[in-house]
Amino acid sequence: MIITTTPTIEGHPVLEYKGIVTGETIIGANFVKDFLASIRDFIGGRSAAYEKVLREGKDTSLQEMAQRAEELGANAIIGMDLDYETLGQGGSMLMVTCSGTAVRI
């Protein structure tokens, strides 16, 4: 499954538009990660724990979107957009959403 942020795929004309597809993931960050991240904020540096959560949310959302596209008979997704938001009390939850147009190329 080709997934791209562009509206076309060079060398591959769109043969059929299947519709909009989405993927959504909501992940909770536990208190240990929050504590370790607060220490990182204080002393500086990257938070590997939060980066891992971000990647996990992105990967899960993209997989879900690709699965929905395959169910429609698509073999590519164009115009993909990826968004991150925090939810819950104190921003304790991370929501990752993606959307795009499922197509046959």
PDB file of N, CA and C in Angstrom:
ATOM      1  N   MET A   1       0.849  -1.174   0.000  1.00  0.00           N
ATOM      2  CA  MET A   1       0.000   0.000   0.000  1.00  0.00           C
ATOM      3  C   MET A   1       0.892   1.234   0.000  1.00  0.00           C
ATOM      4  N   ILE A   2       0.777   2.033  -1.043  1.00  0.00           N
ATOM      5  CA  ILE A   2       1.497   3.299  -1.098  1.00  0.00           C
ATOM      6  C   ILE A   2       0.652   4.340  -0.363  1.00  0.00           C
ATOM      7  N   ILE A   3       1.274   5.051   0.558  1.00  0.00           N
ATOM      8  CA  ILE A   3       0.607   6.143   1.277  1.00  0.00           C
ATOM      9  C   ILE A   3       1.464   7.382   1.085  1.00  0.00           C
ATOM     10  N   THR A   4       0.846   8.453   0.582  1.00  0.00           N
ATOM     11  CA  THR A   4       1.597   9.667   0.311  1.00  0.00           C
ATOM     12  C   THR A   4       0.784  10.905   0.699  1.00  0.00           C
ATOM     13  N   THR A   5       1.499  11.962   1.040  1.00  0.00           N
ATOM     14  CA  THR A   5       0.839  13.229   1.365  1.00  0.00           C
ATOM     15  C   THR A   5       0.510  14.021   0.103  1.00  0.00           C
ATOM     16  N   THR A   6       1.046  13.603  -1.019  1.00  0.00           N
ATOM     17  CA  THR A   6       0.829  14.328  -2.268  1.00  0.00           C
ATOM     18  C   THR A   6      -0.500  13.924  -2.916  1.00  0.00           C
ATOM     19  N   PRO A   7      -1.052  14.776  -3.790  1.00  0.00           N
ATOM     20  CA  PRO A   7      -2.337  14.461  -4.422  1.00  0.00           C
ATOM     21  C   PRO A   7      -2.237  13.477  -5.586  1.00  0.00           C
ATOM     22  N   THR A   8      -1.021  13.167  -5.994  1.00  0.00           N
ATOM     23  CA  THR A   8      -0.806  12.208  -7.074  1.00  0.00           C
ATOM     24  C   THR A   8       0.434  11.384  -6.753  1.00  0.00           C
ATOM     25  N   ILE A   9       0.587  10.282  -7.484  1.00  0.00           N
ATOM     26  CA  ILE A   9       1.792   9.460  -7.370  1.00  0.00           C
ATOM     27  C   ILE A   9       2.439   9.452  -8.746  1.00  0.00           C
ATOM     28  N   GLU A  10       3.609  10.045  -8.838  1.00  0.00           N
ATOM     29  CA  GLU A  10       4.272  10.199 -10.125  1.00  0.00           C
ATOM     30  C   GLU A  10       4.399   8.870 -10.847  1.00  0.00           C
ATOM     31  N   GLY A  11       3.973   8.856 -12.109  1.00  0.00           N
ATOM     32  CA  GLY A  11       4.060   7.665 -12.934  1.00  0.00           C
ATOM     33  C   GLY A  11       2.928   6.676 -12.736  1.00  0.00           C
ATOM     34  N   HIS A  12       1.975   6.997 -11.854  1.00  0.00           N
ATOM     35  CA  HIS A  12       0.856   6.098 -11.566  1.00  0.00           C
ATOM     36  C   HIS A  12      -0.455   6.889 -11.616  1.00  0.00           C
ATOM     37  N   PRO A  13      -1.132   6.893 -12.743  1.00  0.00           N
ATOM     38  CA  PRO A  13      -2.398   7.636 -12.804  1.00  0.00           C
ATOM     39  C   PRO A  13      -3.448   6.985 -11.902  1.00  0.00           C
ATOM     40  N   VAL A  14      -4.294   7.822 -11.312  1.00  0.00           N
ATOM     41  CA  VAL A  14      -5.389   7.308 -10.490  1.00  0.00           C
ATOM     42  C   VAL A  14      -6.447   6.734 -11.421  1.00  0.00           C
ATOM     43  N   LEU A  15      -6.748   5.453 -11.257  1.00  0.00           N
ATOM     44  CA  LEU A  15      -7.748   4.783 -12.088  1.00  0.00           C
ATOM     45  C   LEU A  15      -9.142   4.882 -11.484  1.00  0.00           C
ATOM     46  N   GLU A  16      -9.192   4.922 -10.146  1.00  0.00           N
ATOM     47  CA  GLU A  16     -10.490   4.946  -9.476  1.00  0.00           C
ATOM     48  C   GLU A  16     -10.333   5.529  -8.071  1.00  0.00           C
ATOM     49  N   TYR A  17     -11.237   6.421  -7.721  1.00  0.00           N
ATOM     50  CA  TYR A  17     -11.285   6.974  -6.372  1.00  0.00           C
ATOM     51  C   TYR A  17     -12.260   6.145  -5.551  1.00  0.00           C
ATOM     52  N   LYS A  18     -11.818   5.644  -4.404  1.00  0.00           N
ATOM     53  CA  LYS A  18     -12.642   4.777  -3.567  1.00  0.00           C
ATOM     54  C   LYS A  18     -13.305   5.515  -2.410  1.00  0.00           C
ATOM     55  N   GLY A  19     -12.762   6.650  -2.022  1.00  0.00           N
ATOM     56  CA  GLY A  19     -13.355   7.426  -0.939  1.00  0.00           C
ATOM     57  C   GLY A  19     -12.349   7.801   0.139  1.00  0.00           C
ATOM     58  N   ILE A  20     -12.817   8.559   1.110  1.00  0.00           N
ATOM     59  CA  ILE A  20     -11.981   9.005   2.213  1.00  0.00           C
ATOM     60  C   ILE A  20     -11.851   7.877   3.230  1.00  0.00           C
ATOM     61  N   VAL A  21     -10.634   7.689   3.722  1.00  0.00           N
ATOM     62  CA  VAL A  21     -10.380   6.706   4.771  1.00  0.00           C
ATOM     63  C   VAL A  21      -9.669   7.395   5.933  1.00  0.00           C
ATOM     64  N   THR A  22      -9.872   6.869   7.136  1.00  0.00           N
ATOM     65  CA  THR A  22      -9.286   7.462   8.330  1.00  0.00           C
ATOM     66  C   THR A  22      -8.696   6.377   9.227  1.00  0.00           C
ATOM     67  N   GLY A  23      -7.849   6.804  10.109  1.00  0.00           N
ATOM     68  CA  GLY A  23      -7.319   5.959  11.173  1.00  0.00           C
ATOM     69  C   GLY A  23      -7.231   6.801  12.430  1.00  0.00           C
ATOM     70  N   GLU A  24      -7.611   6.240  13.561  1.00  0.00           N
ATOM     71  CA  GLU A  24      -7.605   6.976  14.814  1.00  0.00           C
ATOM     72  C   GLU A  24      -6.993   6.110  15.903  1.00  0.00           C
ATOM     73  N   THR A  25      -6.194   6.729  16.756  1.00  0.00           N
ATOM     74  CA  THR A  25      -5.607   6.036  17.899  1.00  0.00           C
ATOM     75  C   THR A  25      -5.593   6.991  19.081  1.00  0.00           C
ATOM     76  N   ILE A  26      -5.986   6.498  20.239  1.00  0.00           N
ATOM     77  CA  ILE A  26      -5.864   7.260  21.480  1.00  0.00           C
ATOM     78  C   ILE A  26      -5.036   6.417  22.439  1.00  0.00           C
ATOM     79  N   ILE A  27      -3.940   7.002  22.900  1.00  0.00           N
ATOM     80  CA  ILE A  27      -3.003   6.288  23.762  1.00  0.00           C
ATOM     81  C   ILE A  27      -2.831   7.081  25.049  1.00  0.00           C
ATOM     82  N   GLY A  28      -2.873   6.378  26.163  1.00  0.00           N
ATOM     83  CA  GLY A  28      -2.636   7.007  27.459  1.00  0.00           C
ATOM     84  C   GLY A  28      -1.165   6.939  27.813  1.00  0.00           C
ATOM     85  N   ALA A  29      -0.670   8.019  28.375  1.00  0.00           N
ATOM     86  CA  ALA A  29       0.708   8.031  28.867  1.00  0.00           C
ATOM     87  C   ALA A  29       0.640   7.794  30.372  1.00  0.00           C
ATOM     88  N   ASN A  30       1.364   6.807  30.834  1.00  0.00           N
ATOM     89  CA  ASN A  30       1.259   6.473  32.258  1.00  0.00           C
ATOM     90  C   ASN A  30       2.070   7.417  33.133  1.00  0.00           C
ATOM     91  N   PHE A  31       1.870   7.309  34.417  1.00  0.00           N
ATOM     92  CA  PHE A  31       2.466   8.244  35.350  1.00  0.00           C
ATOM     93  C   PHE A  31       3.990   8.144  35.407  1.00  0.00           C
ATOM     94  N   VAL A  32       4.556   6.980  35.180  1.00  0.00           N
ATOM     95  CA  VAL A  32       6.017   6.838  35.180  1.00  0.00           C
ATOM     96  C   VAL A  32       6.608   7.632  34.015  1.00  0.00           C
ATOM     97  N   LYS A  33       5.988   7.510  32.827  1.00  0.00           N
ATOM     98  CA  LYS A  33       6.467   8.282  31.674  1.00  0.00           C
ATOM     99  C   LYS A  33       6.340   9.775  31.953  1.00  0.00           C
ATOM    100  N   ASP A  34       5.210  10.178  32.565  1.00  0.00           N
ATOM    101  CA  ASP A  34       5.017  11.587  32.901  1.00  0.00           C
ATOM    102  C   ASP A  34       6.114  12.072  33.845  1.00  0.00           C
ATOM    103  N   PHE A  35       6.416  11.271  34.861  1.00  0.00           N
ATOM    104  CA  PHE A  35       7.441  11.642  35.834  1.00  0.00           C
ATOM    105  C   PHE A  35       8.804  11.772  35.162  1.00  0.00           C
ATOM    106  N   LEU A  36       9.168  10.766  34.354  1.00  0.00           N
ATOM    107  CA  LEU A  36      10.462  10.803  33.677  1.00  0.00           C
ATOM    108  C   LEU A  36      10.536  11.965  32.687  1.00  0.00           C
ATOM    109  N   ALA A  37       9.424  12.246  32.013  1.00  0.00           N
ATOM    110  CA  ALA A  37       9.406  13.369  31.068  1.00  0.00           C
ATOM    111  C   ALA A  37       9.575  14.689  31.804  1.00  0.00           C
ATOM    112  N   SER A  38       8.983  14.813  32.992  1.00  0.00           N
ATOM    113  CA  SER A  38       9.124  16.062  33.749  1.00  0.00           C
ATOM    114  C   SER A  38      10.581  16.271  34.156  1.00  0.00           C
ATOM    115  N   ILE A  39      11.291  15.176  34.467  1.00  0.00           N
ATOM    116  CA  ILE A  39      12.718  15.294  34.781  1.00  0.00           C
ATOM    117  C   ILE A  39      13.480  15.745  33.542  1.00  0.00           C
ATOM    118  N   ARG A  40      13.155  15.148  32.388  1.00  0.00           N
ATOM    119  CA  ARG A  40      13.801  15.549  31.135  1.00  0.00           C
ATOM    120  C   ARG A  40      13.537  17.028  30.839  1.00  0.00           C
ATOM    121  N   ASP A  41      12.283  17.485  31.090  1.00  0.00           N
ATOM    122  CA  ASP A  41      11.965  18.897  30.875  1.00  0.00           C
ATOM    123  C   ASP A  41      12.861  19.782  31.728  1.00  0.00           C
ATOM    124  N   PHE A  42      13.121  19.353  32.942  1.00  0.00           N
ATOM    125  CA  PHE A  42      13.912  20.150  33.871  1.00  0.00           C
ATOM    126  C   PHE A  42      15.388  20.171  33.483  1.00  0.00           C
ATOM    127  N   ILE A  43      15.950  19.012  33.150  1.00  0.00           N
ATOM    128  CA  ILE A  43      17.392  18.942  32.857  1.00  0.00           C
ATOM    129  C   ILE A  43      17.698  19.048  31.362  1.00  0.00           C
ATOM    130  N   GLY A  44      16.680  18.950  30.538  1.00  0.00           N
ATOM    131  CA  GLY A  44      16.887  19.028  29.093  1.00  0.00           C
ATOM    132  C   GLY A  44      17.061  17.655  28.479  1.00  0.00           C
ATOM    133  N   GLY A  45      16.933  17.585  27.182  1.00  0.00           N
ATOM    134  CA  GLY A  45      17.108  16.317  26.481  1.00  0.00           C
ATOM    135  C   GLY A  45      15.804  15.807  25.907  1.00  0.00           C
ATOM    136  N   ARG A  46      15.907  14.715  25.210  1.00  0.00           N
ATOM    137  CA  ARG A  46      14.748  14.102  24.551  1.00  0.00           C
ATOM    138  C   ARG A  46      14.114  13.079  25.468  1.00  0.00           C
ATOM    139  N   SER A  47      12.822  12.888  25.286  1.00  0.00           N
ATOM    140  CA  SER A  47      12.097  11.890  26.065  1.00  0.00           C
ATOM    141  C   SER A  47      11.830  10.680  25.175  1.00  0.00           C
ATOM    142  N   ALA A  48      12.655   9.654  25.317  1.00  0.00           N
ATOM    143  CA  ALA A  48      12.516   8.455  24.491  1.00  0.00           C
ATOM    144  C   ALA A  48      11.175   7.778  24.724  1.00  0.00           C
ATOM    145  N   ALA A  49      10.674   7.829  25.955  1.00  0.00           N
ATOM    146  CA  ALA A  49       9.388   7.189  26.267  1.00  0.00           C
ATOM    147  C   ALA A  49       8.253   7.847  25.490  1.00  0.00           C
ATOM    148  N   TYR A  50       8.217   9.174  25.488  1.00  0.00           N
ATOM    149  CA  TYR A  50       7.155   9.868  24.753  1.00  0.00           C
ATOM    150  C   TYR A  50       7.334   9.729  23.246  1.00  0.00           C
ATOM    151  N   GLU A  51       8.573   9.738  22.776  1.00  0.00           N
ATOM    152  CA  GLU A  51       8.808   9.544  21.342  1.00  0.00           C
ATOM    153  C   GLU A  51       8.306   8.181  20.899  1.00  0.00           C
ATOM    154  N   LYS A  52       8.496   7.174  21.735  1.00  0.00           N
ATOM    155  CA  LYS A  52       8.004   5.837  21.422  1.00  0.00           C
ATOM    156  C   LYS A  52       6.477   5.830  21.347  1.00  0.00           C
ATOM    157  N   VAL A  53       5.811   6.523  22.269  1.00  0.00           N
ATOM    158  CA  VAL A  53       4.348   6.608  22.259  1.00  0.00           C
ATOM    159  C   VAL A  53       3.870   7.320  20.992  1.00  0.00           C
ATOM    160  N   LEU A  54       4.549   8.391  20.591  1.00  0.00           N
ATOM    161  CA  LEU A  54       4.186   9.104  19.361  1.00  0.00           C
ATOM    162  C   LEU A  54       4.294   8.189  18.146  1.00  0.00           C
ATOM    163  N   ARG A  55       5.406   7.465  18.037  1.00  0.00           N
ATOM    164  CA  ARG A  55       5.591   6.544  16.906  1.00  0.00           C
ATOM    165  C   ARG A  55       4.536   5.442  16.917  1.00  0.00           C
ATOM    166  N   GLU A  56       4.253   4.900  18.085  1.00  0.00           N
ATOM    167  CA  GLU A  56       3.252   3.837  18.196  1.00  0.00           C
ATOM    168  C   GLU A  56       1.879   4.340  17.746  1.00  0.00           C
ATOM    169  N   GLY A  57       1.510   5.540  18.182  1.00  0.00           N
ATOM    170  CA  GLY A  57       0.231   6.108  17.773  1.00  0.00           C
ATOM    171  C   GLY A  57       0.158   6.345  16.276  1.00  0.00           C
ATOM    172  N   LYS A  58       1.241   6.874  15.708  1.00  0.00           N
ATOM    173  CA  LYS A  58       1.289   7.119  14.258  1.00  0.00           C
ATOM    174  C   LYS A  58       1.186   5.822  13.484  1.00  0.00           C
ATOM    175  N   ASP A  59       1.992   4.844  13.863  1.00  0.00           N
ATOM    176  CA  ASP A  59       2.008   3.565  13.147  1.00  0.00           C
ATOM    177  C   ASP A  59       0.651   2.867  13.219  1.00  0.00           C
ATOM    178  N   THR A  60       0.029   2.873  14.392  1.00  0.00           N
ATOM    179  CA  THR A  60      -1.278   2.228  14.549  1.00  0.00           C
ATOM    180  C   THR A  60      -2.337   2.922  13.707  1.00  0.00           C
ATOM    181  N   SER A  61      -2.338   4.247  13.704  1.00  0.00           N
ATOM    182  CA  SER A  61      -3.317   4.994  12.904  1.00  0.00           C
ATOM    183  C   SER A  61      -3.138   4.733  11.414  1.00  0.00           C
ATOM    184  N   LEU A  62      -1.887   4.733  10.944  1.00  0.00           N
ATOM    185  CA  LEU A  62      -1.630   4.480   9.529  1.00  0.00           C
ATOM    186  C   LEU A  62      -2.040   3.062   9.132  1.00  0.00           C
ATOM    187  N   GLN A  63      -1.766   2.079  10.000  1.00  0.00           N
ATOM    188  CA  GLN A  63      -2.168   0.703   9.706  1.00  0.00           C
ATOM    189  C   GLN A  63      -3.684   0.577   9.616  1.00  0.00           C
ATOM    190  N   GLU A  64      -4.386   1.237  10.533  1.00  0.00           N
ATOM    191  CA  GLU A  64      -5.849   1.195  10.527  1.00  0.00           C
ATOM    192  C   GLU A  64      -6.403   1.826   9.248  1.00  0.00           C
ATOM    193  N   MET A  65      -5.833   2.969   8.848  1.00  0.00           N
ATOM    194  CA  MET A  65      -6.282   3.638   7.634  1.00  0.00           C
ATOM    195  C   MET A  65      -6.016   2.766   6.407  1.00  0.00           C
ATOM    196  N   ALA A  66      -4.837   2.155   6.334  1.00  0.00           N
ATOM    197  CA  ALA A  66      -4.496   1.284   5.199  1.00  0.00           C
ATOM    198  C   ALA A  66      -5.440   0.092   5.135  1.00  0.00           C
ATOM    199  N   GLN A  67      -5.778  -0.480   6.287  1.00  0.00           N
ATOM    200  CA  GLN A  67      -6.709  -1.612   6.318  1.00  0.00           C
ATOM    201  C   GLN A  67      -8.075  -1.204   5.764  1.00  0.00           C
ATOM    202  N   ARG A  68      -8.541  -0.037   6.145  1.00  0.00           N
ATOM    203  CA  ARG A  68      -9.839   0.446   5.642  1.00  0.00           C
ATOM    204  C   ARG A  68      -9.783   0.674   4.129  1.00  0.00           C
ATOM    205  N   ALA A  69      -8.652   1.162   3.644  1.00  0.00           N
ATOM    206  CA  ALA A  69      -8.503   1.371   2.198  1.00  0.00           C
ATOM    207  C   ALA A  69      -8.520   0.040   1.460  1.00  0.00           C
ATOM    208  N   GLU A  70      -7.829  -0.954   1.994  1.00  0.00           N
ATOM    209  CA  GLU A  70      -7.817  -2.284   1.376  1.00  0.00           C
ATOM    210  C   GLU A  70      -9.218  -2.880   1.328  1.00  0.00           C
ATOM    211  N   GLU A  71     -10.004  -2.669   2.382  1.00  0.00           N
ATOM    212  CA  GLU A  71     -11.372  -3.175   2.416  1.00  0.00           C
ATOM    213  C   GLU A  71     -12.230  -2.550   1.320  1.00  0.00           C
ATOM    214  N   LEU A  72     -11.861  -1.346   0.875  1.00  0.00           N
ATOM    215  CA  LEU A  72     -12.575  -0.683  -0.220  1.00  0.00           C
ATOM    216  C   LEU A  72     -12.041  -1.097  -1.593  1.00  0.00           C
ATOM    217  N   GLY A  73     -10.975  -1.887  -1.614  1.00  0.00           N
ATOM    218  CA  GLY A  73     -10.380  -2.317  -2.875  1.00  0.00           C
ATOM    219  C   GLY A  73      -9.310  -1.376  -3.394  1.00  0.00           C
ATOM    220  N   ALA A  74      -8.803  -0.490  -2.534  1.00  0.00           N
ATOM    221  CA  ALA A  74      -7.767   0.465  -2.937  1.00  0.00           C
ATOM    222  C   ALA A  74      -6.390  -0.163  -2.794  1.00  0.00           C
ATOM    223  N   ASN A  75      -5.426   0.369  -3.540  1.00  0.00           N
ATOM    224  CA  ASN A  75      -4.047  -0.068  -3.392  1.00  0.00           C
ATOM    225  C   ASN A  75      -3.102   1.098  -3.104  1.00  0.00           C
ATOM    226  N   ALA A  76      -3.681   2.269  -2.838  1.00  0.00           N
ATOM    227  CA  ALA A  76      -2.885   3.441  -2.477  1.00  0.00           C
ATOM    228  C   ALA A  76      -3.780   4.450  -1.754  1.00  0.00           C
ATOM    229  N   ILE A  77      -3.134   5.341  -1.017  1.00  0.00           N
ATOM    230  CA  ILE A  77      -3.829   6.454  -0.354  1.00  0.00           C
ATOM    231  C   ILE A  77      -3.066   7.714  -0.701  1.00  0.00           C
ATOM    232  N   ILE A  78      -3.785   8.699  -1.221  1.00  0.00           N
ATOM    233  CA  ILE A  78      -3.160   9.971  -1.575  1.00  0.00           C
ATOM    234  C   ILE A  78      -3.707  11.072  -0.667  1.00  0.00           C
ATOM    235  N   GLY A  79      -2.967  12.176  -0.600  1.00  0.00           N
ATOM    236  CA  GLY A  79      -3.417  13.329   0.180  1.00  0.00           C
ATOM    237  C   GLY A  79      -3.506  13.046   1.669  1.00  0.00           C
ATOM    238  N   MET A  80      -2.658  12.174   2.192  1.00  0.00           N
ATOM    239  CA  MET A  80      -2.721  11.792   3.598  1.00  0.00           C
ATOM    240  C   MET A  80      -2.333  12.962   4.499  1.00  0.00           C
ATOM    241  N   ASP A  81      -3.089  13.121   5.586  1.00  0.00           N
ATOM    242  CA  ASP A  81      -2.809  14.144   6.590  1.00  0.00           C
ATOM    243  C   ASP A  81      -2.737  13.460   7.946  1.00  0.00           C
ATOM    244  N   LEU A  82      -1.790  13.869   8.765  1.00  0.00           N
ATOM    245  CA  LEU A  82      -1.569  13.262  10.074  1.00  0.00           C
ATOM    246  C   LEU A  82      -1.648  14.365  11.124  1.00  0.00           C
ATOM    247  N   ASP A  83      -2.438  14.135  12.187  1.00  0.00           N
ATOM    248  CA  ASP A  83      -2.605  15.135  13.247  1.00  0.00           C
ATOM    249  C   ASP A  83      -2.411  14.509  14.615  1.00  0.00           C
ATOM    250  N   TYR A  84      -1.868  15.297  15.531  1.00  0.00           N
ATOM    251  CA  TYR A  84      -1.662  14.879  16.917  1.00  0.00           C
ATOM    252  C   TYR A  84      -2.390  15.871  17.829  1.00  0.00           C
ATOM    253  N   GLU A  85      -3.082  15.365  18.846  1.00  0.00           N
ATOM    254  CA  GLU A  85      -3.763  16.200  19.834  1.00  0.00           C
ATOM    255  C   GLU A  85      -3.611  15.551  21.200  1.00  0.00           C
ATOM    256  N   THR A  86      -3.670  16.358  22.248  1.00  0.00           N
ATOM    257  CA  THR A  86      -3.713  15.809  23.598  1.00  0.00           C
ATOM    258  C   THR A  86      -5.129  15.943  24.125  1.00  0.00           C
ATOM    259  N   LEU A  87      -5.549  14.959  24.906  1.00  0.00           N
ATOM    260  CA  LEU A  87      -6.897  14.909  25.467  1.00  0.00           C
ATOM    261  C   LEU A  87      -6.805  14.574  26.949  1.00  0.00           C
ATOM    262  N   GLY A  88      -7.919  14.695  27.619  1.00  0.00           N
ATOM    263  CA  GLY A  88      -8.003  14.262  29.009  1.00  0.00           C
ATOM    264  C   GLY A  88      -7.484  15.299  29.972  1.00  0.00           C
ATOM    265  N   GLN A  89      -7.663  14.993  31.235  1.00  0.00           N
ATOM    266  CA  GLN A  89      -7.237  15.890  32.293  1.00  0.00           C
ATOM    267  C   GLN A  89      -5.720  16.038  32.270  1.00  0.00           C
ATOM    268  N   GLY A  90      -5.263  17.254  32.103  1.00  0.00           N
ATOM    269  CA  GLY A  90      -3.830  17.505  32.056  1.00  0.00           C
ATOM    270  C   GLY A  90      -3.155  16.999  30.802  1.00  0.00           C
ATOM    271  N   GLY A  91      -3.923  16.723  29.740  1.00  0.00           N
ATOM    272  CA  GLY A  91      -3.330  16.244  28.497  1.00  0.00           C
ATOM    273  C   GLY A  91      -2.710  14.871  28.630  1.00  0.00           C
ATOM    274  N   SER A  92      -3.326  13.999  29.421  1.00  0.00           N
ATOM    275  CA  SER A  92      -2.743  12.688  29.720  1.00  0.00           C
ATOM    276  C   SER A  92      -2.948  11.662  28.608  1.00  0.00           C
ATOM    277  N   MET A  93      -3.736  11.993  27.615  1.00  0.00           N
ATOM    278  CA  MET A  93      -3.994  11.075  26.501  1.00  0.00           C
ATOM    279  C   MET A  93      -3.514  11.719  25.207  1.00  0.00           C
ATOM    280  N   LEU A  94      -2.968  10.909  24.323  1.00  0.00           N
ATOM    281  CA  LEU A  94      -2.531  11.377  23.015  1.00  0.00           C
ATOM    282  C   LEU A  94      -3.454  10.788  21.964  1.00  0.00           C
ATOM    283  N   MET A  95      -4.004  11.646  21.112  1.00  0.00           N
ATOM    284  CA  MET A  95      -4.841  11.193  20.003  1.00  0.00           C
ATOM    285  C   MET A  95      -4.083  11.459  18.704  1.00  0.00           C
ATOM    286  N   VAL A  96      -3.968  10.416  17.897  1.00  0.00           N
ATOM    287  CA  VAL A  96      -3.335  10.535  16.589  1.00  0.00           C
ATOM    288  C   VAL A  96      -4.384  10.158  15.552  1.00  0.00           C
ATOM    289  N   THR A  97      -4.618  11.050  14.612  1.00  0.00           N
ATOM    290  CA  THR A  97      -5.579  10.777  13.545  1.00  0.00           C
ATOM    291  C   THR A  97      -4.903  10.984  12.198  1.00  0.00           C
ATOM    292  N   CYS A  98      -5.332  10.200  11.217  1.00  0.00           N
ATOM    293  CA  CYS A  98      -4.856  10.391   9.860  1.00  0.00           C
ATOM    294  C   CYS A  98      -6.033  10.184   8.915  1.00  0.00           C
ATOM    295  N   SER A  99      -5.961  10.839   7.784  1.00  0.00           N
ATOM    296  CA  SER A  99      -7.002  10.683   6.766  1.00  0.00           C
ATOM    297  C   SER A  99      -6.369  10.867   5.397  1.00  0.00           C
ATOM    298  N   GLY A 100      -7.030  10.306   4.420  1.00  0.00           N
ATOM    299  CA  GLY A 100      -6.552  10.415   3.048  1.00  0.00           C
ATOM    300  C   GLY A 100      -7.601   9.878   2.099  1.00  0.00           C
ATOM    301  N   THR A 101      -7.308   9.915   0.821  1.00  0.00           N
ATOM    302  CA  THR A 101      -8.214   9.416  -0.209  1.00  0.00           C
ATOM    303  C   THR A 101      -7.706   8.071  -0.710  1.00  0.00           C
ATOM    304  N   ALA A 102      -8.545   7.054  -0.554  1.00  0.00           N
ATOM    305  CA  ALA A 102      -8.207   5.714  -1.046  1.00  0.00           C
ATOM    306  C   ALA A 102      -8.429   5.669  -2.541  1.00  0.00           C
ATOM    307  N   VAL A 103      -7.437   5.143  -3.266  1.00  0.00           N
ATOM    308  CA  VAL A 103      -7.522   5.095  -4.732  1.00  0.00           C
ATOM    309  C   VAL A 103      -6.976   3.762  -5.245  1.00  0.00           C
ATOM    310  N   ARG A 104      -7.323   3.465  -6.515  1.00  0.00           N
ATOM    311  CA  ARG A 104      -6.667   2.372  -7.256  1.00  0.00           C
ATOM    312  C   ARG A 104      -5.775   3.046  -8.280  1.00  0.00           C
ATOM    313  N   ILE A 105      -4.529   2.601  -8.303  1.00  0.00           N
ATOM    314  CA  ILE A 105      -3.592   3.153  -9.294  1.00  0.00           C
ATOM    315  C   ILE A 105      -3.170   2.061 -10.251  1.00  0.00           C
TER     316      ILE A 105
END
